[in-house]
């Protein structure tokens, strides 16, 4: 009986931090969902019931808007070609700042 009590006590001591952390995560997620829900209600105005009105609200929120540009706007753009002369950069050979290593021997590696 004492052995079973010790096992249960150890199991409780090991599981308590896991349960505590899980509860904190659940509470944080719930708070985040509430905040998003409040922001959504503030954006679309008023609260809505969780009944069958949700479909009508969704249709009202996502109604189709007209096009921003008319059919004649931006289809073809008149342009003027600009010829630009480029400056070419010539390579200038620069002397080495440090002398090269001359005592190393070259060995070709064949595969």
N, C-alpha and C. Protein backbone atom coordinates (compact mmCIF):
# COMPACT_ATOMS: atom_id res chain seq x y z
N UNK A 1 0.83 -1.20 0.00
CA UNK A 1 0.00 0.00 0.00
C UNK A 1 0.87 1.26 0.00
N UNK A 2 1.92 1.24 0.81
CA UNK A 2 2.81 2.40 0.87
C UNK A 2 3.55 2.60 -0.46
N UNK A 3 3.90 1.48 -1.08
CA UNK A 3 4.59 1.54 -2.36
C UNK A 3 3.70 2.20 -3.42
N UNK A 4 2.44 1.87 -3.45
CA UNK A 4 1.49 2.45 -4.38
C UNK A 4 1.31 3.94 -4.11
N UNK A 5 1.30 4.32 -2.84
CA UNK A 5 1.17 5.73 -2.47
C UNK A 5 2.39 6.52 -2.93
N UNK A 6 3.57 5.94 -2.79
CA UNK A 6 4.80 6.61 -3.23
C UNK A 6 4.80 6.76 -4.75
N UNK A 7 4.39 5.73 -5.46
CA UNK A 7 4.33 5.79 -6.92
C UNK A 7 3.36 6.88 -7.37
N UNK A 8 2.19 6.95 -6.76
CA UNK A 8 1.21 7.97 -7.11
C UNK A 8 1.74 9.38 -6.81
N UNK A 9 2.44 9.54 -5.69
CA UNK A 9 3.01 10.83 -5.33
C UNK A 9 4.08 11.25 -6.34
N UNK A 10 4.95 10.32 -6.72
CA UNK A 10 5.98 10.63 -7.72
C UNK A 10 5.36 10.94 -9.08
N UNK A 11 4.33 10.19 -9.45
CA UNK A 11 3.65 10.44 -10.70
C UNK A 11 3.01 11.82 -10.70
N UNK A 12 2.39 12.19 -9.58
CA UNK A 12 1.78 13.51 -9.46
C UNK A 12 2.83 14.61 -9.54
N UNK A 13 3.97 14.42 -8.86
CA UNK A 13 5.04 15.42 -8.88
C UNK A 13 5.65 15.57 -10.27
N UNK A 14 5.69 14.49 -11.04
CA UNK A 14 6.23 14.58 -12.39
C UNK A 14 5.22 15.17 -13.36
N UNK A 15 3.94 14.86 -13.19
CA UNK A 15 2.94 15.34 -14.13
C UNK A 15 2.46 16.76 -13.82
N UNK A 16 2.62 17.22 -12.60
CA UNK A 16 2.12 18.54 -12.23
C UNK A 16 2.70 19.66 -13.09
N UNK A 17 4.03 19.73 -13.35
CA UNK A 17 4.54 20.81 -14.23
C UNK A 17 3.98 20.72 -15.65
N UNK A 18 3.78 19.51 -16.15
CA UNK A 18 3.23 19.36 -17.50
C UNK A 18 1.79 19.85 -17.54
N UNK A 19 1.00 19.48 -16.56
CA UNK A 19 -0.39 19.92 -16.50
C UNK A 19 -0.45 21.44 -16.33
N UNK A 20 0.40 21.97 -15.50
CA UNK A 20 0.43 23.43 -15.25
C UNK A 20 0.79 24.18 -16.54
N UNK A 21 1.81 23.71 -17.25
CA UNK A 21 2.22 24.37 -18.49
C UNK A 21 1.13 24.25 -19.55
N UNK A 22 0.49 23.10 -19.65
CA UNK A 22 -0.59 22.91 -20.60
C UNK A 22 -1.75 23.85 -20.32
N UNK A 23 -2.08 24.04 -19.05
CA UNK A 23 -3.15 24.96 -18.69
C UNK A 23 -2.80 26.40 -19.07
N UNK A 24 -1.55 26.79 -18.85
CA UNK A 24 -1.13 28.14 -19.21
C UNK A 24 -1.21 28.37 -20.71
N UNK A 25 -0.80 27.38 -21.50
CA UNK A 25 -0.87 27.50 -22.95
C UNK A 25 -2.33 27.59 -23.39
N UNK A 26 -3.19 26.75 -22.82
CA UNK A 26 -4.61 26.77 -23.17
C UNK A 26 -5.23 28.13 -22.85
N UNK A 27 -4.88 28.69 -21.68
CA UNK A 27 -5.41 29.98 -21.28
C UNK A 27 -4.92 31.10 -22.21
N UNK A 28 -3.66 31.02 -22.62
CA UNK A 28 -3.10 32.03 -23.53
C UNK A 28 -3.77 31.97 -24.90
N UNK A 29 -3.99 30.77 -25.41
CA UNK A 29 -4.66 30.61 -26.70
C UNK A 29 -6.09 31.14 -26.62
N UNK A 30 -6.77 30.85 -25.52
CA UNK A 30 -8.13 31.34 -25.36
C UNK A 30 -8.18 32.86 -25.33
N UNK A 31 -7.22 33.48 -24.63
CA UNK A 31 -7.14 34.94 -24.57
C UNK A 31 -6.84 35.53 -25.95
N UNK A 32 -5.97 34.87 -26.70
CA UNK A 32 -5.64 35.35 -28.04
C UNK A 32 -6.86 35.27 -28.95
N UNK A 33 -7.60 34.17 -28.87
CA UNK A 33 -8.82 34.04 -29.68
C UNK A 33 -9.84 35.11 -29.32
N UNK A 34 -9.97 35.41 -28.05
CA UNK A 34 -10.90 36.48 -27.63
C UNK A 34 -10.46 37.83 -28.21
N UNK A 35 -9.16 38.11 -28.16
CA UNK A 35 -8.66 39.39 -28.69
C UNK A 35 -8.92 39.50 -30.18
N UNK A 36 -8.67 38.42 -30.93
CA UNK A 36 -8.95 38.44 -32.36
C UNK A 36 -10.44 38.60 -32.64
N UNK A 37 -11.27 37.95 -31.84
CA UNK A 37 -12.71 38.07 -32.01
C UNK A 37 -13.16 39.51 -31.77
N UNK A 38 -12.62 40.16 -30.74
CA UNK A 38 -12.97 41.55 -30.46
C UNK A 38 -12.51 42.46 -31.60
N UNK A 39 -11.32 42.21 -32.14
CA UNK A 39 -10.83 43.03 -33.25
C UNK A 39 -11.71 42.83 -34.48
N UNK A 40 -12.12 41.59 -34.74
CA UNK A 40 -12.99 41.30 -35.88
C UNK A 40 -14.33 42.01 -35.72
N UNK A 41 -14.89 41.97 -34.51
CA UNK A 41 -16.17 42.63 -34.26
C UNK A 41 -16.03 44.14 -34.40
N UNK A 42 -14.89 44.69 -33.96
CA UNK A 42 -14.68 46.13 -34.08
C UNK A 42 -14.53 46.54 -35.54
N UNK A 43 -13.90 45.69 -36.34
CA UNK A 43 -13.68 46.02 -37.74
C UNK A 43 -14.97 45.96 -38.54
N UNK A 44 -15.78 44.94 -38.32
CA UNK A 44 -16.99 44.77 -39.11
C UNK A 44 -18.22 45.35 -38.43
N UNK A 45 -18.06 45.92 -37.26
CA UNK A 45 -19.16 46.62 -36.59
C UNK A 45 -20.13 45.69 -35.91
N UNK A 46 -20.22 45.84 -34.61
CA UNK A 46 -21.22 45.11 -33.85
C UNK A 46 -20.86 43.65 -33.66
N UNK A 47 -21.69 43.00 -32.85
CA UNK A 47 -21.50 41.58 -32.62
C UNK A 47 -22.50 40.81 -33.44
N UNK A 48 -22.22 39.56 -33.66
CA UNK A 48 -23.16 38.73 -34.40
C UNK A 48 -23.42 37.47 -33.60
N UNK A 49 -24.58 36.96 -33.75
CA UNK A 49 -24.95 35.75 -33.02
C UNK A 49 -24.30 34.55 -33.69
N UNK A 50 -24.11 33.50 -32.93
CA UNK A 50 -23.49 32.29 -33.48
C UNK A 50 -24.53 31.37 -34.10
N UNK A 51 -25.62 31.90 -34.50
CA UNK A 51 -26.65 31.06 -35.10
C UNK A 51 -26.52 31.11 -36.62
N UNK A 52 -27.62 30.97 -37.32
CA UNK A 52 -27.61 30.94 -38.77
C UNK A 52 -27.33 32.28 -39.42
N UNK A 53 -27.16 33.33 -38.64
CA UNK A 53 -26.89 34.65 -39.21
C UNK A 53 -25.47 34.75 -39.75
N UNK A 54 -24.62 33.83 -39.39
CA UNK A 54 -23.21 33.92 -39.79
C UNK A 54 -23.06 33.93 -41.30
N UNK A 55 -23.86 33.14 -42.01
CA UNK A 55 -23.76 33.11 -43.47
C UNK A 55 -24.14 34.43 -44.10
N UNK A 56 -25.21 35.07 -43.59
CA UNK A 56 -25.62 36.36 -44.12
C UNK A 56 -24.60 37.44 -43.84
N UNK A 57 -23.99 37.40 -42.65
CA UNK A 57 -22.94 38.37 -42.33
C UNK A 57 -21.74 38.18 -43.23
N UNK A 58 -21.43 36.93 -43.51
CA UNK A 58 -20.26 36.65 -44.35
C UNK A 58 -20.49 37.17 -45.76
N UNK A 59 -21.71 36.99 -46.28
CA UNK A 59 -22.01 37.50 -47.61
C UNK A 59 -21.98 39.02 -47.63
N UNK A 60 -22.47 39.65 -46.58
CA UNK A 60 -22.46 41.11 -46.51
C UNK A 60 -21.03 41.64 -46.45
N UNK A 61 -20.16 40.96 -45.70
CA UNK A 61 -18.78 41.41 -45.55
C UNK A 61 -18.00 41.25 -46.84
N UNK A 62 -18.26 40.18 -47.59
CA UNK A 62 -17.48 39.87 -48.77
C UNK A 62 -18.22 40.22 -50.06
N UNK A 63 -18.96 41.28 -50.05
CA UNK A 63 -19.66 41.64 -51.27
C UNK A 63 -18.65 42.13 -52.31
N UNK A 64 -18.98 41.91 -53.55
CA UNK A 64 -18.06 42.22 -54.64
C UNK A 64 -18.01 43.72 -54.87
N UNK A 65 -16.82 44.21 -54.98
CA UNK A 65 -16.61 45.63 -55.26
C UNK A 65 -16.33 45.82 -56.75
N UNK A 66 -16.57 47.02 -57.24
CA UNK A 66 -16.29 47.30 -58.64
C UNK A 66 -14.80 47.42 -58.89
N UNK A 67 -14.42 47.39 -60.16
CA UNK A 67 -13.01 47.52 -60.51
C UNK A 67 -12.52 48.92 -60.21
N UNK A 68 -11.27 49.02 -59.84
CA UNK A 68 -10.68 50.33 -59.54
C UNK A 68 -10.38 51.08 -60.82
N UNK A 69 -9.84 50.38 -61.82
CA UNK A 69 -9.47 51.01 -63.08
C UNK A 69 -10.52 50.71 -64.13
N UNK A 70 -10.73 51.68 -65.01
CA UNK A 70 -11.66 51.49 -66.11
C UNK A 70 -11.03 50.67 -67.22
N UNK A 71 -11.82 50.28 -68.23
CA UNK A 71 -11.27 49.44 -69.30
C UNK A 71 -10.22 50.15 -70.15
N UNK A 72 -10.22 51.49 -70.18
CA UNK A 72 -9.25 52.20 -71.00
C UNK A 72 -8.00 52.61 -70.24
N UNK A 73 -7.96 52.36 -68.95
CA UNK A 73 -6.81 52.79 -68.14
C UNK A 73 -5.71 51.74 -68.15
N UNK A 74 -4.53 52.16 -68.54
CA UNK A 74 -3.35 51.33 -68.39
C UNK A 74 -3.23 50.15 -69.32
N UNK A 75 -4.02 50.08 -70.36
CA UNK A 75 -3.90 48.95 -71.27
C UNK A 75 -2.62 49.06 -72.09
N UNK A 76 -2.46 50.18 -72.76
CA UNK A 76 -1.26 50.41 -73.56
C UNK A 76 -0.65 51.73 -73.12
N UNK A 77 0.66 51.71 -72.96
CA UNK A 77 1.36 52.91 -72.50
C UNK A 77 2.29 53.36 -73.61
N UNK A 78 2.17 54.63 -73.98
CA UNK A 78 3.09 55.18 -74.97
C UNK A 78 4.43 55.44 -74.29
N UNK A 79 5.50 55.05 -74.94
CA UNK A 79 6.82 55.25 -74.33
C UNK A 79 7.78 55.80 -75.36
N UNK A 80 8.84 56.37 -74.83
CA UNK A 80 9.87 56.93 -75.69
C UNK A 80 11.16 56.21 -75.36
N UNK A 81 11.86 55.73 -76.38
CA UNK A 81 13.08 55.00 -76.15
C UNK A 81 14.21 55.97 -75.86
N UNK A 82 14.95 55.70 -74.83
CA UNK A 82 16.07 56.56 -74.43
C UNK A 82 17.35 55.78 -74.67
N UNK A 83 18.25 56.37 -75.43
CA UNK A 83 19.55 55.75 -75.70
C UNK A 83 20.55 56.36 -74.74
N UNK A 84 21.17 55.49 -73.99
CA UNK A 84 22.10 55.94 -72.96
C UNK A 84 23.49 55.41 -73.29
N UNK A 85 24.45 56.27 -73.26
CA UNK A 85 25.82 55.84 -73.52
C UNK A 85 26.45 55.35 -72.22
N UNK A 86 27.01 54.19 -72.32
CA UNK A 86 27.63 53.62 -71.13
C UNK A 86 29.12 53.92 -71.13
N UNK A 87 29.63 54.10 -69.94
CA UNK A 87 31.07 54.32 -69.81
C UNK A 87 31.72 52.97 -69.53
N UNK A 88 32.72 52.65 -70.32
CA UNK A 88 33.40 51.37 -70.11
C UNK A 88 34.54 51.56 -69.12
N UNK A 89 34.71 50.57 -68.29
CA UNK A 89 35.77 50.61 -67.28
C UNK A 89 36.91 49.74 -67.79
N UNK A 90 38.11 50.30 -67.80
CA UNK A 90 39.25 49.55 -68.27
C UNK A 90 39.95 48.91 -67.08
N UNK A 91 40.47 47.71 -67.31
CA UNK A 91 41.18 46.98 -66.28
C UNK A 91 42.59 47.52 -66.17
N UNK A 92 42.97 47.85 -64.98
CA UNK A 92 44.32 48.35 -64.73
C UNK A 92 45.04 47.29 -63.90
N UNK A 93 46.19 46.85 -64.41
CA UNK A 93 46.93 45.82 -63.70
C UNK A 93 47.64 46.44 -62.50
N UNK A 94 47.49 45.81 -61.39
CA UNK A 94 48.07 46.32 -60.16
C UNK A 94 49.14 45.33 -59.70
N UNK A 95 50.24 45.86 -59.26
CA UNK A 95 51.32 45.00 -58.78
C UNK A 95 50.91 44.40 -57.44
N UNK A 96 51.37 43.16 -57.20
CA UNK A 96 51.04 42.49 -55.94
C UNK A 96 51.63 43.26 -54.77
N UNK A 97 50.85 43.34 -53.72
CA UNK A 97 51.31 44.03 -52.52
C UNK A 97 52.30 43.15 -51.76
N UNK A 98 52.11 41.83 -51.86
CA UNK A 98 53.01 40.90 -51.17
C UNK A 98 53.63 39.98 -52.22
N UNK A 99 54.86 39.58 -51.98
CA UNK A 99 55.49 38.68 -52.95
C UNK A 99 54.81 37.30 -52.94
N UNK A 100 54.86 36.62 -54.09
CA UNK A 100 54.24 35.31 -54.20
C UNK A 100 55.16 34.25 -53.60
N UNK A 101 54.52 33.14 -53.22
CA UNK A 101 55.29 32.03 -52.65
C UNK A 101 55.95 31.28 -53.80
N UNK A 102 57.27 31.09 -53.70
CA UNK A 102 57.99 30.45 -54.80
C UNK A 102 58.55 29.09 -54.43
N UNK A 103 58.57 28.73 -53.15
CA UNK A 103 59.19 27.47 -52.77
C UNK A 103 58.20 26.29 -52.78
N UNK A 104 56.93 26.52 -53.09
CA UNK A 104 55.96 25.43 -53.16
C UNK A 104 56.05 24.76 -54.51
N UNK A 105 55.95 23.44 -54.50
CA UNK A 105 56.03 22.70 -55.76
C UNK A 105 54.62 22.34 -56.22
N UNK A 106 54.41 22.34 -57.52
CA UNK A 106 53.13 22.03 -58.10
C UNK A 106 53.05 20.54 -58.35
N UNK A 107 51.97 19.96 -57.91
CA UNK A 107 51.76 18.52 -58.14
C UNK A 107 50.38 18.34 -58.71
N UNK A 108 50.31 17.73 -59.87
CA UNK A 108 49.02 17.55 -60.53
C UNK A 108 48.35 16.30 -59.96
N UNK A 109 47.08 16.43 -59.64
CA UNK A 109 46.32 15.31 -59.08
C UNK A 109 45.42 14.78 -60.17
N UNK A 110 45.59 13.51 -60.49
CA UNK A 110 44.78 12.90 -61.53
C UNK A 110 43.79 11.93 -60.88
N UNK A 111 42.59 11.98 -61.38
CA UNK A 111 41.55 11.08 -60.86
C UNK A 111 41.33 9.91 -61.75
